[in-house]
Amino acid sequence: MKDSMKKLKLFGLGLLVVFLQLVSSCKQNESYESGIEVEEVIPVSLINLKQGRGESQIEATGLFTTDDETLLSFKNGGVIERIYVKEGDMVKKGQLLAILNMTELNAKANQVKLAIEKAQRDYNRAQKLYRDSVATLEQFENAKTQLELFQQDLNTIQFNIRYSEIRATENGYVLLKLANEGQIVGPGMPVLQINGAMKGDWMVKIGVSDRQWAQIKEGDSALISTDLFEEPIKAKVHRRSEGMDPRTGTFPVFVKPNSTAGLKLATGVFARVTLFGHISNSWQIPYSAMLDGDAGRAYVFVTNDKQTAKKVEVKVESLQKDFITVKSGLEAYEYLIDAGSPYLKDGSRIKVVTK
């Protein structure tokens, strides 16, 4: 008896399943026959798009230095006879730092002096003969010109001798020694690098990309962090270079502390710099609204009627810690779709819900 009841229940359950399948099939056939396609409505949340002046943050690293770093070199090429300083040495303005071997220049100077003595004798003789009407005026003037030419040659050699040594241009420190004693250097080849650190005019030199460089303005606020100090140092952008550094492929920017009172700094100290700039006519949107992107481009969903989603491409200006700054692409839209973007496609029906 019990087995009969159990079989009856199973048979009834099977009939119910078949009935539900038939009902579902009929509904699908009715929808297909009537030409009506059921479209899913996706719940989303919106953000009002308001264009304004957005803030940008640029992170970079650099080294403490001064604004008067100078590469020192010899005017003429030659063999370095002596370098009197090493890296890290303190120097005073006018101090002799390096000198070339002067053998060749001294020999040329002696030759010219001998030539001047002969030219002087020729001039004196021509002058006497001209007074006695034996020599012509042209001969006298030629002797005079020859003497003046040799005197100018001597002035040139003496000038080169004077600039065959390197002297400190400021009170400061030797940063780099770029050549060694006995080395042959060409005219203008850097031998030493010094700065005027004794004046305390410290700043951090950083390198940024061309896009970041375009966002930075002189006077922008900044924060400098180092392992030497617990608290960041308030600073401002002092100067930005108008050309790219060919060695690094970046654009140099100099950030100067508002005050260096009480700070013990040294050339080459590593620093982390955060620059705070402003971008006009931009939008700040959350990361949750952005879809895939590449090379400054990304995609987001927007809407004007709050019923249909539209996928648009935007130009990304910068990526910040908590938001994205968009430069263009959102001008014609009122609302940005925040939550629900991963489930959307272009033209999807949406339903606005509150977060």
Protein backbone atom coordinates (compact mmCIF):
# COMPACT_ATOMS: atom_id res chain seq x y z
CA MET A 1 0.00 0.00 0.00
CA LYS A 2 2.78 2.38 0.94
CA ASP A 3 4.67 1.59 -2.25
CA SER A 4 1.57 2.35 -4.28
CA MET A 5 1.17 5.76 -2.61
CA LYS A 6 4.85 6.56 -3.20
CA LYS A 7 4.60 5.69 -6.88
CA LEU A 8 1.47 7.80 -7.19
CA LYS A 9 3.24 10.85 -5.71
CA LEU A 10 6.19 10.45 -8.04
CA PHE A 11 3.86 10.14 -11.00
CA GLY A 12 2.04 13.34 -9.96
CA LEU A 13 5.35 15.23 -9.57
CA GLY A 14 6.38 14.14 -13.05
CA LEU A 15 3.12 15.39 -14.51
CA LEU A 16 3.68 18.77 -12.80
CA VAL A 17 7.16 19.14 -14.32
CA VAL A 18 5.86 18.30 -17.78
CA PHE A 19 3.02 20.81 -17.35
CA LEU A 20 5.41 23.62 -16.37
CA GLN A 21 7.64 22.87 -19.34
CA LEU A 22 4.63 23.01 -21.67
CA VAL A 23 3.55 26.36 -20.20
CA SER A 24 7.07 27.81 -20.59
CA SER A 25 7.27 26.55 -24.16
CA CYS A 26 3.92 28.08 -25.00
CA LYS A 27 4.99 31.47 -23.62
CA GLN A 28 8.22 31.39 -25.61
CA ASN A 29 6.29 30.45 -28.77
CA GLU A 30 3.82 33.26 -28.15
CA SER A 31 6.66 35.76 -27.70
CA TYR A 32 8.38 34.53 -30.84
CA GLU A 33 5.18 34.52 -32.89
CA SER A 34 4.24 38.03 -31.76
CA GLY A 35 7.74 39.37 -32.59
CA ILE A 36 8.27 40.78 -29.08
CA GLU A 37 11.79 40.28 -27.64
CA VAL A 38 12.11 40.52 -23.88
CA GLU A 39 15.03 42.87 -23.04
CA GLU A 40 16.75 42.84 -19.69
CA VAL A 41 16.74 46.10 -17.74
CA ILE A 42 20.00 46.56 -15.82
CA PRO A 43 20.04 48.49 -12.53
CA VAL A 44 22.71 51.22 -12.42
CA SER A 45 23.69 54.24 -10.38
CA LEU A 46 24.49 57.63 -11.90
CA ILE A 47 26.84 60.52 -11.26
CA ASN A 48 26.12 64.07 -12.43
CA LEU A 49 28.76 65.21 -14.90
CA LYS A 50 30.02 68.65 -13.95
CA GLN A 51 32.97 70.07 -15.81
CA GLY A 52 35.34 72.16 -13.75
CA ARG A 53 38.91 72.82 -12.75
CA GLY A 54 40.35 69.54 -11.58
CA GLU A 55 43.39 68.99 -9.42
CA SER A 56 46.24 66.82 -10.66
CA GLN A 57 48.87 65.07 -8.59
CA ILE A 58 52.20 64.04 -10.05
CA GLU A 59 54.55 61.71 -8.19
CA ALA A 60 58.26 61.84 -9.00
CA THR A 61 61.65 61.23 -7.44
CA GLY A 62 64.83 63.25 -7.59
CA LEU A 63 67.93 64.45 -5.79
CA PHE A 64 68.69 67.54 -3.74
CA THR A 65 70.97 69.99 -5.51
CA THR A 66 71.36 73.72 -6.05
CA ASP A 67 70.33 75.89 -8.98
CA ASP A 68 73.90 76.92 -9.74
CA GLU A 69 75.49 73.60 -10.66
CA THR A 70 78.33 74.35 -13.03
CA LEU A 71 80.37 72.12 -15.33
CA LEU A 72 83.93 73.42 -15.47
CA SER A 73 86.27 72.72 -18.38
CA PHE A 74 89.44 73.94 -20.08
CA LYS A 75 89.15 76.33 -23.01
CA ASN A 76 91.82 74.42 -24.90
CA GLY A 77 92.48 70.73 -25.21
CA GLY A 78 95.54 69.08 -23.76
CA VAL A 79 96.93 66.75 -21.13
CA ILE A 80 95.71 67.29 -17.56
CA GLU A 81 98.77 68.01 -15.43
CA ARG A 82 97.12 68.18 -12.01
CA ILE A 83 93.67 68.07 -10.36
CA TYR A 84 93.88 69.58 -6.89
CA VAL A 85 90.47 68.51 -5.52
CA LYS A 86 88.34 65.41 -5.15
CA GLU A 87 84.59 64.82 -4.97
CA GLY A 88 83.02 66.28 -1.85
CA ASP A 89 85.74 68.87 -1.23
CA MET A 90 84.69 72.37 -0.19
CA VAL A 91 86.06 75.08 -2.48
CA LYS A 92 86.24 78.86 -2.39
CA LYS A 93 85.63 81.24 -5.26
CA GLY A 94 88.80 81.69 -7.34
CA GLN A 95 90.53 78.60 -5.92
CA LEU A 96 92.74 76.70 -8.41
CA LEU A 97 91.14 73.32 -9.09
CA ALA A 98 92.99 71.85 -12.09
CA ILE A 99 95.67 72.74 -14.63
CA LEU A 100 96.82 71.48 -18.04
CA ASN A 101 100.38 70.58 -19.01
CA MET A 102 101.73 73.92 -20.26
CA THR A 103 104.76 72.69 -22.22
CA GLU A 104 103.23 73.19 -25.67
CA LEU A 105 101.69 76.58 -24.91
CA ASN A 106 104.85 77.88 -23.24
CA ALA A 107 106.87 76.82 -26.28
CA LYS A 108 104.49 78.67 -28.60
CA ALA A 109 104.69 81.72 -26.38
CA ASN A 110 108.48 81.72 -26.52
CA GLN A 111 108.41 81.37 -30.32
CA VAL A 112 106.09 84.34 -30.65
CA LYS A 113 108.25 86.41 -28.29
CA LEU A 114 111.28 85.73 -30.48
CA ALA A 115 109.24 86.65 -33.54
CA ILE A 116 108.22 89.89 -31.88
CA GLU A 117 111.84 90.76 -31.12
CA LYS A 118 112.77 90.26 -34.80
CA ALA A 119 109.66 92.19 -35.97
CA GLN A 120 110.60 95.01 -33.61
CA ARG A 121 114.11 95.19 -35.12
CA ASP A 122 112.66 95.17 -38.65
CA TYR A 123 110.26 97.92 -37.71
CA ASN A 124 112.97 100.09 -36.20
CA ARG A 125 115.16 99.63 -39.30
CA ALA A 126 112.27 100.38 -41.68
CA GLN A 127 111.37 103.47 -39.70
CA LYS A 128 114.95 104.79 -39.89
CA LEU A 129 115.23 104.05 -43.60
CA TYR A 130 111.90 105.71 -44.26
CA ARG A 131 113.08 108.88 -42.48
CA ASP A 132 116.18 108.83 -44.66
CA SER A 133 113.98 108.39 -47.74
CA VAL A 134 115.63 105.05 -48.50
CA ALA A 135 112.59 102.84 -47.72
CA THR A 136 109.11 103.47 -49.07
CA LEU A 137 106.07 104.21 -46.98
CA GLU A 138 104.67 100.78 -47.93
CA GLN A 139 107.74 99.00 -46.60
CA PHE A 140 107.54 100.92 -43.35
CA GLU A 141 103.83 100.16 -42.89
CA ASN A 142 104.35 96.45 -43.70
CA ALA A 143 107.00 96.21 -40.97
CA LYS A 144 104.64 97.90 -38.52
CA THR A 145 101.77 95.54 -39.42
CA GLN A 146 104.00 92.49 -39.00
CA LEU A 147 104.98 93.63 -35.49
CA GLU A 148 101.33 94.20 -34.50
CA LEU A 149 100.31 90.74 -35.79
CA PHE A 150 102.93 88.99 -33.66
CA GLN A 151 101.87 91.04 -30.62
CA GLN A 152 98.25 89.91 -31.13
CA ASP A 153 99.43 86.29 -31.43
CA LEU A 154 101.18 86.66 -28.08
CA ASN A 155 98.00 88.07 -26.51
CA THR A 156 96.04 85.07 -27.81
CA ILE A 157 98.55 82.57 -26.41
CA GLN A 158 98.64 84.33 -23.04
CA PHE A 159 94.82 84.23 -22.96
CA ASN A 160 94.87 80.49 -23.68
CA ILE A 161 97.48 79.97 -20.98
CA ARG A 162 95.27 81.79 -18.50
CA TYR A 163 92.34 79.51 -19.38
CA SER A 164 94.41 76.34 -19.28
CA GLU A 165 93.57 76.18 -15.60
CA ILE A 166 90.24 75.75 -13.84
CA ARG A 167 89.22 77.91 -10.88
CA ALA A 168 86.10 77.75 -8.72
CA THR A 169 83.37 80.13 -9.83
CA GLU A 170 81.52 80.05 -6.46
CA ASN A 171 81.97 79.01 -2.87
CA GLY A 172 80.60 75.48 -2.75
CA TYR A 173 81.43 71.82 -3.14
CA VAL A 174 82.86 69.53 -5.81
CA LEU A 175 80.04 67.26 -6.97
CA LEU A 176 81.78 65.22 -9.66
CA LYS A 177 85.27 64.67 -10.98
CA LEU A 178 84.81 63.75 -14.63
CA ALA A 179 88.46 63.35 -15.68
CA ASN A 180 91.78 62.25 -14.20
CA GLU A 181 95.37 63.45 -14.19
CA GLY A 182 97.25 62.46 -17.35
CA GLN A 183 94.05 62.25 -19.39
CA ILE A 184 93.83 64.03 -22.74
CA VAL A 185 90.75 66.26 -22.92
CA GLY A 186 89.30 68.30 -25.74
CA PRO A 187 88.28 71.97 -25.63
CA GLY A 188 85.19 72.42 -23.46
CA MET A 189 85.13 68.81 -22.23
CA PRO A 190 83.73 68.78 -18.62
CA VAL A 191 86.36 68.03 -16.00
CA LEU A 192 84.69 69.03 -12.72
CA GLN A 193 81.16 69.82 -11.55
CA ILE A 194 80.64 72.16 -8.61
CA ASN A 195 77.73 73.97 -6.99
CA GLY A 196 77.13 76.84 -4.61
CA ALA A 197 75.66 74.74 -1.80
CA MET A 198 77.26 76.97 0.82
CA LYS A 199 74.60 79.58 0.00
CA GLY A 200 71.87 77.16 1.11
CA ASP A 201 69.83 77.64 -2.05
CA TRP A 202 68.57 74.05 -2.10
CA MET A 203 66.07 72.43 -4.44
CA VAL A 204 65.12 69.01 -5.80
CA LYS A 205 65.68 68.21 -9.45
CA ILE A 206 63.15 65.73 -10.86
CA GLY A 207 62.38 64.43 -14.35
CA VAL A 208 58.83 64.18 -15.74
CA SER A 209 57.18 63.08 -18.98
CA ASP A 210 56.01 65.51 -21.65
CA ARG A 211 52.36 65.07 -20.59
CA GLN A 212 53.20 65.76 -16.95
CA TRP A 213 55.40 68.69 -17.95
CA ALA A 214 52.41 70.30 -19.71
CA GLN A 215 50.40 70.17 -16.45
CA ILE A 216 53.09 71.76 -14.29
CA LYS A 217 53.28 75.52 -13.80
CA GLU A 218 55.84 77.59 -11.95
CA GLY A 219 54.52 78.31 -8.47
CA ASP A 220 52.51 75.07 -8.16
CA SER A 221 52.57 73.71 -4.60
CA ALA A 222 54.46 70.54 -3.77
CA LEU A 223 55.56 68.28 -0.93
CA ILE A 224 59.08 66.89 -0.57
CA SER A 225 59.63 63.72 1.49
CA THR A 226 63.00 62.28 2.48
CA ASP A 227 64.26 59.72 4.95
CA LEU A 228 66.10 62.54 6.74
CA PHE A 229 62.90 64.13 8.08
CA GLU A 230 59.72 62.68 9.50
CA GLU A 231 57.42 65.38 8.11
CA PRO A 232 57.18 66.34 4.42
CA ILE A 233 58.68 69.70 3.43
CA LYS A 234 56.34 72.22 1.83
CA ALA A 235 57.67 73.48 -1.47
CA LYS A 236 56.84 75.11 -4.80
CA VAL A 237 57.82 74.58 -8.40
CA HIS A 238 60.75 76.96 -8.88
CA ARG A 239 61.53 76.34 -12.53
CA ARG A 240 60.77 73.89 -15.31
CA SER A 241 63.15 73.30 -18.18
CA GLU A 242 62.02 74.23 -21.68
CA GLY A 243 63.95 71.34 -23.19
CA MET A 244 64.32 67.61 -22.71
CA ASP A 245 67.35 66.13 -20.99
CA PRO A 246 68.84 63.85 -23.70
CA ARG A 247 70.51 61.63 -21.08
CA THR A 248 67.25 60.64 -19.36
CA GLY A 249 64.57 61.43 -21.97
CA THR A 250 62.63 63.46 -19.38
CA PHE A 251 61.94 67.15 -18.78
CA PRO A 252 63.78 68.56 -15.71
CA VAL A 253 61.70 70.37 -13.10
CA PHE A 254 63.19 72.12 -10.05
CA VAL A 255 61.17 72.12 -6.82
CA LYS A 256 62.31 74.52 -4.11
CA PRO A 257 61.43 74.21 -0.37
CA ASN A 258 59.53 77.17 1.05
CA SER A 259 62.10 77.30 3.85
CA THR A 260 65.33 75.45 4.56
CA ALA A 261 65.80 76.87 8.06
CA GLY A 262 66.96 74.12 10.39
CA LEU A 263 67.30 71.58 7.58
CA LYS A 264 70.62 69.78 7.21
CA LEU A 265 70.85 68.86 3.53
CA ALA A 266 73.53 67.57 1.23
CA THR A 267 73.91 67.28 -2.50
CA GLY A 268 72.57 63.98 -3.78
CA VAL A 269 70.05 63.31 -1.00
CA PHE A 270 67.20 61.22 -2.43
CA ALA A 271 63.72 62.78 -2.29
CA ARG A 272 60.15 61.90 -3.23
CA VAL A 273 58.12 64.79 -4.63
CA THR A 274 54.35 65.21 -4.98
CA LEU A 275 53.29 68.06 -7.26
CA PHE A 276 49.81 69.58 -7.04
CA GLY A 277 48.61 71.21 -10.25
CA HIS A 278 45.28 72.16 -11.80
CA ILE A 279 43.65 71.17 -15.06
CA SER A 280 40.96 73.45 -16.50
CA ASN A 281 37.81 72.11 -18.17
CA SER A 282 38.06 68.54 -16.97
CA TRP A 283 36.04 65.87 -15.18
CA GLN A 284 36.98 63.76 -12.20
CA ILE A 285 35.42 60.29 -12.36
CA PRO A 286 35.79 57.21 -10.13
CA TYR A 287 37.79 54.16 -11.23
CA SER A 288 34.63 52.02 -11.00
CA ALA A 289 33.17 53.84 -14.01
CA MET A 290 36.09 53.24 -16.35
CA LEU A 291 36.23 50.27 -18.72
CA ASP A 292 39.25 49.09 -20.70
CA GLY A 293 41.62 51.74 -22.03
CA ASP A 294 45.05 52.27 -23.53
CA ALA A 295 47.51 55.11 -24.23
CA GLY A 296 45.48 57.85 -22.58
CA ARG A 297 42.13 56.57 -23.87
CA ALA A 298 39.36 54.76 -22.00
CA TYR A 299 35.66 53.93 -22.30
CA VAL A 300 32.74 54.76 -20.03
CA PHE A 301 28.94 54.47 -20.16
CA VAL A 302 26.83 57.62 -20.06
CA THR A 303 23.19 58.57 -20.43
CA ASN A 304 21.01 61.61 -20.92
CA ASP A 305 17.50 60.10 -20.60
CA LYS A 306 18.27 57.76 -17.68
CA GLN A 307 16.81 54.90 -19.72
CA THR A 308 19.48 53.96 -22.28
CA ALA A 309 23.22 53.48 -21.80
CA LYS A 310 25.71 54.76 -24.36
CA LYS A 311 29.35 53.69 -24.56
CA VAL A 312 31.73 56.56 -25.34
CA GLU A 313 35.48 57.01 -25.61
CA VAL A 314 37.16 59.59 -23.39
CA LYS A 315 40.65 61.08 -23.23
CA VAL A 316 42.35 60.46 -19.89
CA GLU A 317 44.51 63.34 -18.69
CA SER A 318 45.94 61.73 -15.54
CA LEU A 319 45.41 58.91 -13.06
CA GLN A 320 45.23 60.00 -9.45
CA LYS A 321 45.05 58.01 -6.24
CA ASP A 322 41.26 58.09 -5.87
CA PHE A 323 39.97 59.28 -9.23
CA ILE A 324 40.66 59.71 -12.93
CA THR A 325 40.91 63.11 -14.59
CA VAL A 326 39.22 63.14 -18.01
CA LYS A 327 40.14 65.86 -20.49
CA SER A 328 37.49 65.34 -23.19
CA GLY A 329 34.72 63.06 -24.43
CA LEU A 330 31.98 63.86 -21.92
CA GLU A 331 30.88 67.27 -23.23
CA ALA A 332 27.50 66.13 -24.62
CA TYR A 333 26.32 64.05 -21.66
CA GLU A 334 24.66 64.76 -18.33
CA TYR A 335 25.14 61.55 -16.37
CA LEU A 336 27.94 59.03 -15.93
CA ILE A 337 27.02 55.42 -15.13
CA ASP A 338 28.98 54.33 -12.09
CA ALA A 339 27.78 50.99 -10.66
CA GLY A 340 26.59 48.41 -13.20
CA SER A 341 28.99 49.27 -16.05
CA PRO A 342 30.46 45.74 -16.44
CA TYR A 343 27.02 44.35 -17.36
CA LEU A 344 26.19 46.96 -20.00
CA LYS A 345 26.64 47.19 -23.71
CA ASP A 346 26.00 50.10 -26.04
CA GLY A 347 22.23 50.73 -26.12
CA SER A 348 21.36 48.65 -23.03
CA ARG A 349 18.19 49.58 -21.14
CA ILE A 350 18.90 50.79 -17.62
CA LYS A 351 17.03 51.43 -14.41
CA VAL A 352 18.42 54.04 -12.01
CA VAL A 353 18.73 52.84 -8.41
CA THR A 354 20.10 54.58 -5.36
CA LYS A 355 23.32 53.29 -3.89
